[in-house]
PDB file of N, CA and C in Angstrom:
ATOM      1  N   UNK A   1      76.801  -6.445  87.283  1.00  0.00           N
ATOM      2  CA  UNK A   1      76.590  -5.857  85.971  1.00  0.00           C
ATOM      3  C   UNK A   1      75.707  -4.611  86.119  1.00  0.00           C
ATOM      4  N   UNK A   2      76.151  -3.458  85.609  1.00  0.00           N
ATOM      5  CA  UNK A   2      75.327  -2.250  85.716  1.00  0.00           C
ATOM      6  C   UNK A   2      74.039  -2.389  84.907  1.00  0.00           C
ATOM      7  N   UNK A   3      73.038  -1.599  85.296  1.00  0.00           N
ATOM      8  CA  UNK A   3      71.720  -1.686  84.664  1.00  0.00           C
ATOM      9  C   UNK A   3      71.758  -1.324  83.185  1.00  0.00           C
ATOM     10  N   UNK A   4      72.544  -0.333  82.801  1.00  0.00           N
ATOM     11  CA  UNK A   4      72.556   0.071  81.390  1.00  0.00           C
ATOM     12  C   UNK A   4      73.177  -1.003  80.507  1.00  0.00           C
ATOM     13  N   UNK A   5      74.085  -1.786  81.000  1.00  0.00           N
ATOM     14  CA  UNK A   5      74.663  -2.870  80.202  1.00  0.00           C
ATOM     15  C   UNK A   5      73.742  -4.074  80.149  1.00  0.00           C
ATOM     16  N   UNK A   6      72.928  -4.242  81.152  1.00  0.00           N
ATOM     17  CA  UNK A   6      72.035  -5.393  81.208  1.00  0.00           C
ATOM     18  C   UNK A   6      70.956  -5.289  80.131  1.00  0.00           C
ATOM     19  N   UNK A   7      70.421  -4.093  79.908  1.00  0.00           N
ATOM     20  CA  UNK A   7      69.340  -3.909  78.937  1.00  0.00           C
ATOM     21  C   UNK A   7      69.848  -3.738  77.505  1.00  0.00           C
ATOM     22  N   UNK A   8      71.125  -3.489  77.355  1.00  0.00           N
ATOM     23  CA  UNK A   8      71.680  -3.295  76.011  1.00  0.00           C
ATOM     24  C   UNK A   8      71.806  -4.638  75.299  1.00  0.00           C
ATOM     25  N   UNK A   9      71.477  -4.649  74.045  1.00  0.00           N
ATOM     26  CA  UNK A   9      71.564  -5.860  73.245  1.00  0.00           C
ATOM     27  C   UNK A   9      73.017  -6.167  72.949  1.00  0.00           C
ATOM     28  N   UNK A  10      73.370  -7.420  72.984  1.00  0.00           N
ATOM     29  CA  UNK A  10      74.742  -7.800  72.676  1.00  0.00           C
ATOM     30  C   UNK A  10      74.951  -7.705  71.174  1.00  0.00           C
ATOM     31  N   UNK A  11      76.057  -7.131  70.787  1.00  0.00           N
ATOM     32  CA  UNK A  11      76.366  -6.982  69.370  1.00  0.00           C
ATOM     33  C   UNK A  11      77.207  -8.152  68.924  1.00  0.00           C
ATOM     34  N   UNK A  12      76.843  -8.658  67.752  1.00  0.00           N
ATOM     35  CA  UNK A  12      77.628  -9.719  67.149  1.00  0.00           C
ATOM     36  C   UNK A  12      78.776  -9.052  66.409  1.00  0.00           C
ATOM     37  N   UNK A  13      79.981  -9.557  66.532  1.00  0.00           N
ATOM     38  CA  UNK A  13      81.099  -8.930  65.812  1.00  0.00           C
ATOM     39  C   UNK A  13      80.846  -8.920  64.308  1.00  0.00           C
ATOM     40  N   UNK A  14      81.088  -7.790  63.673  1.00  0.00           N
ATOM     41  CA  UNK A  14      80.881  -7.659  62.232  1.00  0.00           C
ATOM     42  C   UNK A  14      79.510  -7.133  61.865  1.00  0.00           C
ATOM     43  N   UNK A  15      78.678  -6.835  62.847  1.00  0.00           N
ATOM     44  CA  UNK A  15      77.333  -6.315  62.563  1.00  0.00           C
ATOM     45  C   UNK A  15      77.128  -4.957  63.236  1.00  0.00           C
ATOM     46  N   UNK A  16      78.045  -4.088  63.026  1.00  0.00           N
ATOM     47  CA  UNK A  16      77.965  -2.760  63.610  1.00  0.00           C
ATOM     48  C   UNK A  16      77.136  -1.875  62.687  1.00  0.00           C
ATOM     49  N   UNK A  17      76.021  -1.303  63.179  1.00  0.00           N
ATOM     50  CA  UNK A  17      75.177  -0.480  62.296  1.00  0.00           C
ATOM     51  C   UNK A  17      75.901   0.758  61.768  1.00  0.00           C
ATOM     52  N   UNK A  18      76.806   1.322  62.553  1.00  0.00           N
ATOM     53  CA  UNK A  18      77.533   2.499  62.081  1.00  0.00           C
ATOM     54  C   UNK A  18      78.396   2.148  60.876  1.00  0.00           C
ATOM     55  N   UNK A  19      79.020   0.998  60.929  1.00  0.00           N
ATOM     56  CA  UNK A  19      79.853   0.573  59.799  1.00  0.00           C
ATOM     57  C   UNK A  19      78.991   0.293  58.572  1.00  0.00           C
ATOM     58  N   UNK A  20      77.784  -0.250  58.804  1.00  0.00           N
ATOM     59  CA  UNK A  20      76.874  -0.529  57.686  1.00  0.00           C
ATOM     60  C   UNK A  20      76.500   0.766  56.969  1.00  0.00           C
ATOM     61  N   UNK A  21      76.087   1.784  57.728  1.00  0.00           N
ATOM     62  CA  UNK A  21      75.681   3.046  57.108  1.00  0.00           C
ATOM     63  C   UNK A  21      76.871   3.784  56.497  1.00  0.00           C
ATOM     64  N   UNK A  22      78.017   3.653  57.119  1.00  0.00           N
ATOM     65  CA  UNK A  22      79.216   4.261  56.545  1.00  0.00           C
ATOM     66  C   UNK A  22      79.543   3.608  55.206  1.00  0.00           C
ATOM     67  N   UNK A  23      79.433   2.292  55.136  1.00  0.00           N
ATOM     68  CA  UNK A  23      79.664   1.586  53.872  1.00  0.00           C
ATOM     69  C   UNK A  23      78.647   1.971  52.815  1.00  0.00           C
ATOM     70  N   UNK A  24      77.380   2.139  53.248  1.00  0.00           N
ATOM     71  CA  UNK A  24      76.337   2.550  52.312  1.00  0.00           C
ATOM     72  C   UNK A  24      76.645   3.928  51.719  1.00  0.00           C
ATOM     73  N   UNK A  25      77.066   4.856  52.575  1.00  0.00           N
ATOM     74  CA  UNK A  25      77.388   6.208  52.104  1.00  0.00           C
ATOM     75  C   UNK A  25      78.609   6.211  51.193  1.00  0.00           C
ATOM     76  N   UNK A  26      79.600   5.407  51.515  1.00  0.00           N
ATOM     77  CA  UNK A  26      80.775   5.314  50.651  1.00  0.00           C
ATOM     78  C   UNK A  26      80.409   4.735  49.286  1.00  0.00           C
ATOM     79  N   UNK A  27      79.478   3.791  49.281  1.00  0.00           N
ATOM     80  CA  UNK A  27      78.997   3.230  48.014  1.00  0.00           C
ATOM     81  C   UNK A  27      78.298   4.272  47.165  1.00  0.00           C
ATOM     82  N   UNK A  28      77.491   5.123  47.805  1.00  0.00           N
ATOM     83  CA  UNK A  28      76.804   6.193  47.065  1.00  0.00           C
ATOM     84  C   UNK A  28      77.804   7.171  46.451  1.00  0.00           C
ATOM     85  N   UNK A  29      78.820   7.518  47.226  1.00  0.00           N
ATOM     86  CA  UNK A  29      79.841   8.444  46.725  1.00  0.00           C
ATOM     87  C   UNK A  29      80.576   7.826  45.537  1.00  0.00           C
ATOM     88  N   UNK A  30      80.918   6.544  45.661  1.00  0.00           N
ATOM     89  CA  UNK A  30      81.622   5.868  44.566  1.00  0.00           C
ATOM     90  C   UNK A  30      80.744   5.791  43.322  1.00  0.00           C
ATOM     91  N   UNK A  31      79.438   5.537  43.514  1.00  0.00           N
ATOM     92  CA  UNK A  31      78.515   5.450  42.378  1.00  0.00           C
ATOM     93  C   UNK A  31      78.401   6.799  41.679  1.00  0.00           C
ATOM     94  N   UNK A  32      78.289   7.878  42.438  1.00  0.00           N
ATOM     95  CA  UNK A  32      78.175   9.201  41.807  1.00  0.00           C
ATOM     96  C   UNK A  32      79.472   9.568  41.091  1.00  0.00           C
ATOM     97  N   UNK A  33      80.598   9.172  41.648  1.00  0.00           N
ATOM     98  CA  UNK A  33      81.876   9.429  40.984  1.00  0.00           C
ATOM     99  C   UNK A  33      81.963   8.655  39.673  1.00  0.00           C
ATOM    100  N   UNK A  34      81.497   7.409  39.695  1.00  0.00           N
ATOM    101  CA  UNK A  34      81.511   6.602  38.476  1.00  0.00           C
ATOM    102  C   UNK A  34      80.557   7.190  37.433  1.00  0.00           C
ATOM    103  N   UNK A  35      79.392   7.679  37.881  1.00  0.00           N
ATOM    104  CA  UNK A  35      78.449   8.306  36.955  1.00  0.00           C
ATOM    105  C   UNK A  35      79.080   9.507  36.254  1.00  0.00           C
ATOM    106  N   UNK A  36      79.857  10.286  36.992  1.00  0.00           N
ATOM    107  CA  UNK A  36      80.541  11.435  36.389  1.00  0.00           C
ATOM    108  C   UNK A  36      81.524  10.986  35.313  1.00  0.00           C
ATOM    109  N   UNK A  37      82.276   9.932  35.601  1.00  0.00           N
ATOM    110  CA  UNK A  37      83.236   9.426  34.619  1.00  0.00           C
ATOM    111  C   UNK A  37      82.537   8.879  33.388  1.00  0.00           C
ATOM    112  N   UNK A  38      81.443   8.162  33.598  1.00  0.00           N
ATOM    113  CA  UNK A  38      80.702   7.603  32.460  1.00  0.00           C
ATOM    114  C   UNK A  38      80.163   8.728  31.585  1.00  0.00           C
ATOM    115  N   UNK A  39      79.634   9.776  32.212  1.00  0.00           N
ATOM    116  CA  UNK A  39      79.109  10.902  31.448  1.00  0.00           C
ATOM    117  C   UNK A  39      80.222  11.580  30.640  1.00  0.00           C
ATOM    118  N   UNK A  40      81.379  11.743  31.255  1.00  0.00           N
ATOM    119  CA  UNK A  40      82.505  12.366  30.547  1.00  0.00           C
ATOM    120  C   UNK A  40      82.970  11.500  29.379  1.00  0.00           C
ATOM    121  N   UNK A  41      83.034  10.197  29.587  1.00  0.00           N
ATOM    122  CA  UNK A  41      83.457   9.297  28.508  1.00  0.00           C
ATOM    123  C   UNK A  41      82.443   9.269  27.364  1.00  0.00           C
ATOM    124  N   UNK A  42      81.153   9.278  27.701  1.00  0.00           N
ATOM    125  CA  UNK A  42      80.126   9.310  26.649  1.00  0.00           C
ATOM    126  C   UNK A  42      80.235  10.590  25.826  1.00  0.00           C
ATOM    127  N   UNK A  43      80.446  11.718  26.499  1.00  0.00           N
ATOM    128  CA  UNK A  43      80.595  12.987  25.800  1.00  0.00           C
ATOM    129  C   UNK A  43      81.811  12.952  24.880  1.00  0.00           C
ATOM    130  N   UNK A  44      82.923  12.436  25.373  1.00  0.00           N
ATOM    131  CA  UNK A  44      84.142  12.338  24.574  1.00  0.00           C
ATOM    132  C   UNK A  44      83.928  11.432  23.366  1.00  0.00           C
ATOM    133  N   UNK A  45      83.245  10.299  23.565  1.00  0.00           N
ATOM    134  CA  UNK A  45      82.980   9.371  22.466  1.00  0.00           C
ATOM    135  C   UNK A  45      82.101  10.027  21.406  1.00  0.00           C
ATOM    136  N   UNK A  46      81.060  10.749  21.844  1.00  0.00           N
ATOM    137  CA  UNK A  46      80.188  11.433  20.886  1.00  0.00           C
ATOM    138  C   UNK A  46      80.962  12.497  20.106  1.00  0.00           C
ATOM    139  N   UNK A  47      81.854  13.180  20.773  1.00  0.00           N
ATOM    140  CA  UNK A  47      82.652  14.211  20.125  1.00  0.00           C
ATOM    141  C   UNK A  47      83.605  13.613  19.094  1.00  0.00           C
ATOM    142  N   UNK A  48      84.211  12.480  19.429  1.00  0.00           N
ATOM    143  CA  UNK A  48      85.154  11.836  18.512  1.00  0.00           C
ATOM    144  C   UNK A  48      84.428  11.266  17.298  1.00  0.00           C
ATOM    145  N   UNK A  49      83.243  10.691  17.509  1.00  0.00           N
ATOM    146  CA  UNK A  49      82.507  10.066  16.404  1.00  0.00           C
ATOM    147  C   UNK A  49      81.576  11.042  15.690  1.00  0.00           C
ATOM    148  N   UNK A  50      81.623  12.323  16.037  1.00  0.00           N
ATOM    149  CA  UNK A  50      80.765  13.332  15.406  1.00  0.00           C
ATOM    150  C   UNK A  50      80.874  13.356  13.884  1.00  0.00           C
ATOM    151  N   UNK A  51      82.076  13.300  13.294  1.00  0.00           N
ATOM    152  CA  UNK A  51      82.152  13.334  11.824  1.00  0.00           C
ATOM    153  C   UNK A  51      81.504  12.127  11.152  1.00  0.00           C
ATOM    154  N   UNK A  52      81.244  11.075  11.904  1.00  0.00           N
ATOM    155  CA  UNK A  52      80.625   9.883  11.320  1.00  0.00           C
ATOM    156  C   UNK A  52      79.109   9.941  11.434  1.00  0.00           C
ATOM    157  N   UNK A  53      78.594  10.209  12.655  1.00  0.00           N
ATOM    158  CA  UNK A  53      77.157  10.105  12.842  1.00  0.00           C
ATOM    159  C   UNK A  53      76.382  11.343  12.408  1.00  0.00           C
ATOM    160  N   UNK A  54      77.018  12.507  12.369  1.00  0.00           N
ATOM    161  CA  UNK A  54      76.296  13.720  11.976  1.00  0.00           C
ATOM    162  C   UNK A  54      75.830  13.687  10.516  1.00  0.00           C
ATOM    163  N   UNK A  55      76.675  13.320   9.541  1.00  0.00           N
ATOM    164  CA  UNK A  55      76.176  13.240   8.159  1.00  0.00           C
ATOM    165  C   UNK A  55      75.091  12.178   7.978  1.00  0.00           C
ATOM    166  N   UNK A  56      75.223  11.061   8.680  1.00  0.00           N
ATOM    167  CA  UNK A  56      74.202  10.004   8.573  1.00  0.00           C
ATOM    168  C   UNK A  56      72.861  10.504   9.092  1.00  0.00           C
ATOM    169  N   UNK A  57      72.881  11.159  10.254  1.00  0.00           N
ATOM    170  CA  UNK A  57      71.646  11.676  10.834  1.00  0.00           C
ATOM    171  C   UNK A  57      71.044  12.765   9.945  1.00  0.00           C
ATOM    172  N   UNK A  58      71.900  13.642   9.423  1.00  0.00           N
ATOM    173  CA  UNK A  58      71.417  14.696   8.527  1.00  0.00           C
ATOM    174  C   UNK A  58      70.799  14.132   7.262  1.00  0.00           C
ATOM    175  N   UNK A  59      71.420  13.097   6.698  1.00  0.00           N
ATOM    176  CA  UNK A  59      70.885  12.480   5.487  1.00  0.00           C
ATOM    177  C   UNK A  59      69.526  11.839   5.757  1.00  0.00           C
ATOM    178  N   UNK A  60      69.361  11.208   6.910  1.00  0.00           N
ATOM    179  CA  UNK A  60      68.070  10.599   7.257  1.00  0.00           C
ATOM    180  C   UNK A  60      66.980  11.662   7.364  1.00  0.00           C
ATOM    181  N   UNK A  61      67.308  12.797   7.973  1.00  0.00           N
ATOM    182  CA  UNK A  61      66.326  13.874   8.121  1.00  0.00           C
ATOM    183  C   UNK A  61      65.940  14.429   6.753  1.00  0.00           C
ATOM    184  N   UNK A  62      66.917  14.658   5.888  1.00  0.00           N
ATOM    185  CA  UNK A  62      66.637  15.182   4.542  1.00  0.00           C
ATOM    186  C   UNK A  62      65.781  14.202   3.755  1.00  0.00           C
ATOM    187  N   UNK A  63      66.122  12.919   3.821  1.00  0.00           N
ATOM    188  CA  UNK A  63      65.367  11.899   3.094  1.00  0.00           C
ATOM    189  C   UNK A  63      63.920  11.827   3.588  1.00  0.00           C
ATOM    190  N   UNK A  64      63.735  11.928   4.909  1.00  0.00           N
ATOM    191  CA  UNK A  64      62.386  11.870   5.483  1.00  0.00           C
ATOM    192  C   UNK A  64      61.556  13.075   5.035  1.00  0.00           C
ATOM    193  N   UNK A  65      62.158  14.257   5.012  1.00  0.00           N
ATOM    194  CA  UNK A  65      61.431  15.459   4.579  1.00  0.00           C
ATOM    195  C   UNK A  65      61.077  15.394   3.095  1.00  0.00           C
ATOM    196  N   UNK A  66      61.985  14.860   2.275  1.00  0.00           N
ATOM    197  CA  UNK A  66      61.673  14.693   0.849  1.00  0.00           C
ATOM    198  C   UNK A  66      60.505  13.739   0.659  1.00  0.00           C
ATOM    199  N   UNK A  67      60.544  12.645   1.412  1.00  0.00           N
ATOM    200  CA  UNK A  67      59.462  11.664   1.321  1.00  0.00           C
ATOM    201  C   UNK A  67      58.132  12.300   1.725  1.00  0.00           C
ATOM    202  N   UNK A  68      58.152  13.118   2.771  1.00  0.00           N
ATOM    203  CA  UNK A  68      56.926  13.799   3.196  1.00  0.00           C
ATOM    204  C   UNK A  68      56.444  14.773   2.123  1.00  0.00           C
ATOM    205  N   UNK A  69      57.362  15.499   1.494  1.00  0.00           N
ATOM    206  CA  UNK A  69      56.985  16.464   0.458  1.00  0.00           C
ATOM    207  C   UNK A  69      56.383  15.756  -0.753  1.00  0.00           C
ATOM    208  N   UNK A  70      56.982  14.636  -1.156  1.00  0.00           N
ATOM    209  CA  UNK A  70      56.430  13.871  -2.282  1.00  0.00           C
ATOM    210  C   UNK A  70      55.056  13.313  -1.940  1.00  0.00           C
ATOM    211  N   UNK A  71      54.894  12.839  -0.723  1.00  0.00           N
ATOM    212  CA  UNK A  71      53.608  12.290  -0.285  1.00  0.00           C
ATOM    213  C   UNK A  71      52.540  13.381  -0.284  1.00  0.00           C
ATOM    214  N   UNK A  72      52.890  14.562   0.240  1.00  0.00           N
ATOM    215  CA  UNK A  72      51.932  15.668   0.276  1.00  0.00           C
ATOM    216  C   UNK A  72      51.582  16.128  -1.129  1.00  0.00           C
ATOM    217  N   UNK A  73      52.562  16.133  -2.034  1.00  0.00           N
ATOM    218  CA  UNK A  73      52.293  16.551  -3.413  1.00  0.00           C
ATOM    219  C   UNK A  73      51.385  15.545  -4.109  1.00  0.00           C
ATOM    220  N   UNK A  74      51.604  14.262  -3.858  1.00  0.00           N
ATOM    221  CA  UNK A  74      50.784  13.235  -4.503  1.00  0.00           C
ATOM    222  C   UNK A  74      49.367  13.222  -3.941  1.00  0.00           C
ATOM    223  N   UNK A  75      49.227  13.354  -2.632  1.00  0.00           N
ATOM    224  CA  UNK A  75      47.899  13.292  -2.009  1.00  0.00           C
ATOM    225  C   UNK A  75      47.115  14.587  -2.178  1.00  0.00           C
ATOM    226  N   UNK A  76      47.818  15.711  -2.170  1.00  0.00           N
ATOM    227  CA  UNK A  76      47.117  16.986  -2.227  1.00  0.00           C
ATOM    228  C   UNK A  76      47.057  17.592  -3.604  1.00  0.00           C
ATOM    229  N   UNK A  77      47.234  16.765  -4.643  1.00  0.00           N
ATOM    230  CA  UNK A  77      47.281  17.283  -6.012  1.00  0.00           C
ATOM    231  C   UNK A  77      45.971  17.945  -6.423  1.00  0.00           C
ATOM    232  N   UNK A  78      44.844  17.294  -6.174  1.00  0.00           N
ATOM    233  CA  UNK A  78      43.551  17.819  -6.618  1.00  0.00           C
ATOM    234  C   UNK A  78      42.751  18.436  -5.479  1.00  0.00           C
ATOM    235  N   UNK A  79      43.399  18.721  -4.369  1.00  0.00           N
ATOM    236  CA  UNK A  79      42.691  19.280  -3.220  1.00  0.00           C
ATOM    237  C   UNK A  79      42.954  20.777  -3.110  1.00  0.00           C
ATOM    238  N   UNK A  80      41.961  21.482  -2.616  1.00  0.00           N
ATOM    239  CA  UNK A  80      42.152  22.889  -2.294  1.00  0.00           C
ATOM    240  C   UNK A  80      42.887  22.916  -0.959  1.00  0.00           C
ATOM    241  N   UNK A  81      44.022  23.590  -0.950  1.00  0.00           N
ATOM    242  CA  UNK A  81      44.867  23.534   0.240  1.00  0.00           C
ATOM    243  C   UNK A  81      44.234  24.359   1.349  1.00  0.00           C
ATOM    244  N   UNK A  82      43.909  23.675   2.415  1.00  0.00           N
ATOM    245  CA  UNK A  82      43.331  24.282   3.603  1.00  0.00           C
ATOM    246  C   UNK A  82      43.516  23.329   4.772  1.00  0.00           C
ATOM    247  N   UNK A  83      42.866  23.654   5.871  1.00  0.00           N
ATOM    248  CA  UNK A  83      43.020  22.817   7.060  1.00  0.00           C
ATOM    249  C   UNK A  83      42.479  21.408   6.843  1.00  0.00           C
ATOM    250  N   UNK A  84      41.405  21.302   6.084  1.00  0.00           N
ATOM    251  CA  UNK A  84      40.801  19.986   5.846  1.00  0.00           C
ATOM    252  C   UNK A  84      41.732  19.101   5.006  1.00  0.00           C
ATOM    253  N   UNK A  85      42.322  19.673   3.981  1.00  0.00           N
ATOM    254  CA  UNK A  85      43.242  18.913   3.128  1.00  0.00           C
ATOM    255  C   UNK A  85      44.487  18.507   3.913  1.00  0.00           C
ATOM    256  N   UNK A  86      44.980  19.406   4.735  1.00  0.00           N
ATOM    257  CA  UNK A  86      46.156  19.096   5.558  1.00  0.00           C
ATOM    258  C   UNK A  86      45.830  17.955   6.509  1.00  0.00           C
ATOM    259  N   UNK A  87      44.649  17.992   7.089  1.00  0.00           N
ATOM    260  CA  UNK A  87      44.229  16.924   8.018  1.00  0.00           C
ATOM    261  C   UNK A  87      44.127  15.587   7.287  1.00  0.00           C
ATOM    262  N   UNK A  88      43.574  15.590   6.081  1.00  0.00           N
ATOM    263  CA  UNK A  88      43.450  14.345   5.306  1.00  0.00           C
ATOM    264  C   UNK A  88      44.823  13.768   4.966  1.00  0.00           C
ATOM    265  N   UNK A  89      45.741  14.615   4.531  1.00  0.00           N
ATOM    266  CA  UNK A  89      47.090  14.153   4.184  1.00  0.00           C
ATOM    267  C   UNK A  89      47.797  13.620   5.428  1.00  0.00           C
ATOM    268  N   UNK A  90      47.624  14.306   6.548  1.00  0.00           N
ATOM    269  CA  UNK A  90      48.253  13.858   7.794  1.00  0.00           C
ATOM    270  C   UNK A  90      47.726  12.496   8.213  1.00  0.00           C
ATOM    271  N   UNK A  91      46.420  12.312   8.163  1.00  0.00           N
ATOM    272  CA  UNK A  91      45.839  11.024   8.557  1.00  0.00           C
ATOM    273  C   UNK A  91      46.262   9.915   7.606  1.00  0.00           C
ATOM    274  N   UNK A  92      46.385  10.228   6.328  1.00  0.00           N
ATOM    275  CA  UNK A  92      46.861   9.222   5.372  1.00  0.00           C
ATOM    276  C   UNK A  92      48.307   8.835   5.682  1.00  0.00           C
ATOM    277  N   UNK A  93      49.137   9.812   6.042  1.00  0.00           N
ATOM    278  CA  UNK A  93      50.532   9.521   6.403  1.00  0.00           C
ATOM    279  C   UNK A  93      50.588   8.637   7.660  1.00  0.00           C
ATOM    280  N   UNK A  94      49.751   8.954   8.638  1.00  0.00           N
ATOM    281  CA  UNK A  94      49.729   8.174   9.882  1.00  0.00           C
ATOM    282  C   UNK A  94      49.302   6.737   9.599  1.00  0.00           C
ATOM    283  N   UNK A  95      48.330   6.560   8.714  1.00  0.00           N
ATOM    284  CA  UNK A  95      47.885   5.204   8.369  1.00  0.00           C
ATOM    285  C   UNK A  95      48.955   4.444   7.597  1.00  0.00           C
ATOM    286  N   UNK A  96      49.731   5.146   6.768  1.00  0.00           N
ATOM    287  CA  UNK A  96      50.783   4.485   5.983  1.00  0.00           C
ATOM    288  C   UNK A  96      52.042   4.184   6.798  1.00  0.00           C
ATOM    289  N   UNK A  97      52.208   4.838   7.939  1.00  0.00           N
ATOM    290  CA  UNK A  97      53.411   4.654   8.765  1.00  0.00           C
ATOM    291  C   UNK A  97      53.030   4.281  10.199  1.00  0.00           C
ATOM    292  N   UNK A  98      52.474   3.086  10.404  1.00  0.00           N
ATOM    293  CA  UNK A  98      52.052   2.708  11.766  1.00  0.00           C
ATOM    294  C   UNK A  98      53.224   2.485  12.722  1.00  0.00           C
ATOM    295  N   UNK A  99      54.422   2.193  12.199  1.00  0.00           N
ATOM    296  CA  UNK A  99      55.566   1.977  13.085  1.00  0.00           C
ATOM    297  C   UNK A  99      56.016   3.277  13.749  1.00  0.00           C
ATOM    298  N   UNK A 100      55.758   4.418  13.122  1.00  0.00           N
ATOM    299  CA  UNK A 100      56.128   5.707  13.706  1.00  0.00           C
ATOM    300  C   UNK A 100      55.069   6.216  14.676  1.00  0.00           C
ATOM    301  N   UNK A 101      53.816   5.890  14.416  1.00  0.00           N
ATOM    302  CA  UNK A 101      52.702   6.395  15.218  1.00  0.00           C
ATOM    303  C   UNK A 101      51.937   5.203  15.779  1.00  0.00           C
ATOM    304  N   UNK A 102      52.367   4.754  16.936  1.00  0.00           N
ATOM    305  CA  UNK A 102      51.820   3.536  17.532  1.00  0.00           C
ATOM    306  C   UNK A 102      50.359   3.729  17.924  1.00  0.00           C
ATOM    307  N   UNK A 103      50.003   4.914  18.386  1.00  0.00           N
ATOM    308  CA  UNK A 103      48.635   5.169  18.834  1.00  0.00           C
ATOM    309  C   UNK A 103      47.717   5.637  17.705  1.00  0.00           C
ATOM    310  N   UNK A 104      48.202   5.604  16.495  1.00  0.00           N
ATOM    311  CA  UNK A 104      47.383   6.000  15.348  1.00  0.00           C
ATOM    312  C   UNK A 104      47.102   7.489  15.365  1.00  0.00           C
ATOM    313  N   UNK A 105      45.835   7.833  15.119  1.00  0.00           N
ATOM    314  CA  UNK A 105      45.480   9.254  15.061  1.00  0.00           C
ATOM    315  C   UNK A 105      45.510   9.914  16.436  1.00  0.00           C
ATOM    316  N   UNK A 106      45.592   9.109  17.495  1.00  0.00           N
ATOM    317  CA  UNK A 106      45.619   9.655  18.854  1.00  0.00           C
ATOM    318  C   UNK A 106      47.043   9.844  19.376  1.00  0.00           C
ATOM    319  N   UNK A 107      48.019   9.612  18.532  1.00  0.00           N
ATOM    320  CA  UNK A 107      49.417   9.755  18.943  1.00  0.00           C
ATOM    321  C   UNK A 107      49.722  11.230  19.227  1.00  0.00           C
ATOM    322  N   UNK A 108      50.494  11.524  20.269  1.00  0.00           N
ATOM    323  CA  UNK A 108      50.809  12.929  20.588  1.00  0.00           C
ATOM    324  C   UNK A 108      51.634  13.644  19.520  1.00  0.00           C
ATOM    325  N   UNK A 109      52.269  12.916  18.621  1.00  0.00           N
ATOM    326  CA  UNK A 109      53.104  13.543  17.592  1.00  0.00           C
ATOM    327  C   UNK A 109      52.298  13.983  16.371  1.00  0.00           C
ATOM    328  N   UNK A 110      51.026  13.635  16.312  1.00  0.00           N
ATOM    329  CA  UNK A 110      50.213  13.955  15.126  1.00  0.00           C
ATOM    330  C   UNK A 110      50.038  15.466  14.929  1.00  0.00           C
ATOM    331  N   UNK A 111      49.773  16.271  15.964  1.00  0.00           N
ATOM    332  CA  UNK A 111      49.655  17.720  15.720  1.00  0.00           C
ATOM    333  C   UNK A 111      50.930  18.349  15.149  1.00  0.00           C
ATOM    334  N   UNK A 112      52.081  17.903  15.615  1.00  0.00           N
ATOM    335  CA  UNK A 112      53.346  18.423  15.081  1.00  0.00           C
ATOM    336  C   UNK A 112      53.500  18.018  13.618  1.00  0.00           C
ATOM    337  N   UNK A 113      53.135  16.781  13.299  1.00  0.00           N
ATOM    338  CA  UNK A 113      53.182  16.310  11.918  1.00  0.00           C
ATOM    339  C   UNK A 113      52.224  17.120  11.047  1.00  0.00           C
ATOM    340  N   UNK A 114      51.058  17.421  11.590  1.00  0.00           N
ATOM    341  CA  UNK A 114      50.074  18.194  10.838  1.00  0.00           C
ATOM    342  C   UNK A 114      50.605  19.597  10.538  1.00  0.00           C
ATOM    343  N   UNK A 115      51.274  20.209  11.495  1.00  0.00           N
ATOM    344  CA  UNK A 115      51.826  21.544  11.222  1.00  0.00           C
ATOM    345  C   UNK A 115      52.961  21.460  10.196  1.00  0.00           C
ATOM    346  N   UNK A 116      53.721  20.361  10.213  1.00  0.00           N
ATOM    347  CA  UNK A 116      54.784  20.187   9.212  1.00  0.00           C
ATOM    348  C   UNK A 116      54.180  20.043   7.821  1.00  0.00           C
ATOM    349  N   UNK A 117      53.098  19.267   7.706  1.00  0.00           N
ATOM    350  CA  UNK A 117      52.434  19.123   6.409  1.00  0.00           C
ATOM    351  C   UNK A 117      51.812  20.442   5.965  1.00  0.00           C
ATOM    352  N   UNK A 118      51.289  21.219   6.905  1.00  0.00           N
ATOM    353  CA  UNK A 118      50.712  22.521   6.547  1.00  0.00           C
ATOM    354  C   UNK A 118      51.791  23.427   5.949  1.00  0.00           C
ATOM    355  N   UNK A 119      52.973  23.442   6.562  1.00  0.00           N
ATOM    356  CA  UNK A 119      54.076  24.256   6.031  1.00  0.00           C
ATOM    357  C   UNK A 119      54.506  23.765   4.651  1.00  0.00           C
ATOM    358  N   UNK A 120      54.566  22.439   4.483  1.00  0.00           N
ATOM    359  CA  UNK A 120      54.945  21.880   3.181  1.00  0.00           C
ATOM    360  C   UNK A 120      53.947  22.264   2.097  1.00  0.00           C
ATOM    361  N   UNK A 121      52.667  22.143   2.423  1.00  0.00           N
ATOM    362  CA  UNK A 121      51.631  22.422   1.422  1.00  0.00           C
ATOM    363  C   UNK A 121      51.524  23.919   1.140  1.00  0.00           C
ATOM    364  N   UNK A 122      51.754  24.752   2.143  1.00  0.00           N
ATOM    365  CA  UNK A 122      51.748  26.203   1.909  1.00  0.00           C
ATOM    366  C   UNK A 122      52.922  26.617   1.024  1.00  0.00           C
ATOM    367  N   UNK A 123      54.060  25.978   1.214  1.00  0.00           N
ATOM    368  CA  UNK A 123      55.237  26.259   0.394  1.00  0.00           C
ATOM    369  C   UNK A 123      55.007  25.860  -1.055  1.00  0.00           C
ATOM    370  N   UNK A 124      54.237  24.804  -1.259  1.00  0.00           N
ATOM    371  CA  UNK A 124      53.995  24.287  -2.603  1.00  0.00           C
ATOM    372  C   UNK A 124      53.011  25.157  -3.382  1.00  0.00           C
ATOM    373  N   UNK A 125      52.230  25.959  -2.693  1.00  0.00           N
ATOM    374  CA  UNK A 125      51.198  26.777  -3.315  1.00  0.00           C
ATOM    375  C   UNK A 125      51.710  27.704  -4.347  1.00  0.00           C
TER     376      UNK A 125
END
């Protein structure tokens, strides 16, 4: 028996590392191909259902803005409109809607909400 064959480990049939890595790479290719198909199907589904979900989403946005405008009008009725009044109305909204702002006044969405209330109150002036 030659020396190079003596030190080589015997391979068990069916445990070829090259075949293992080849199978792994083929699996990755198949997964990426499937991801492409899923993305295309999702896009097609969204496009087909657009006439259904777009009016619903638009109506929700309009209703939410009306609710915010009514809330700002009710809370800011006797206040001089300024940064302090906007902050008070914003904090009152955050306290009344804990499901939207999980972190309370420390939620990252509060500054955006505050600027929305500022625009609403400036428009009402």
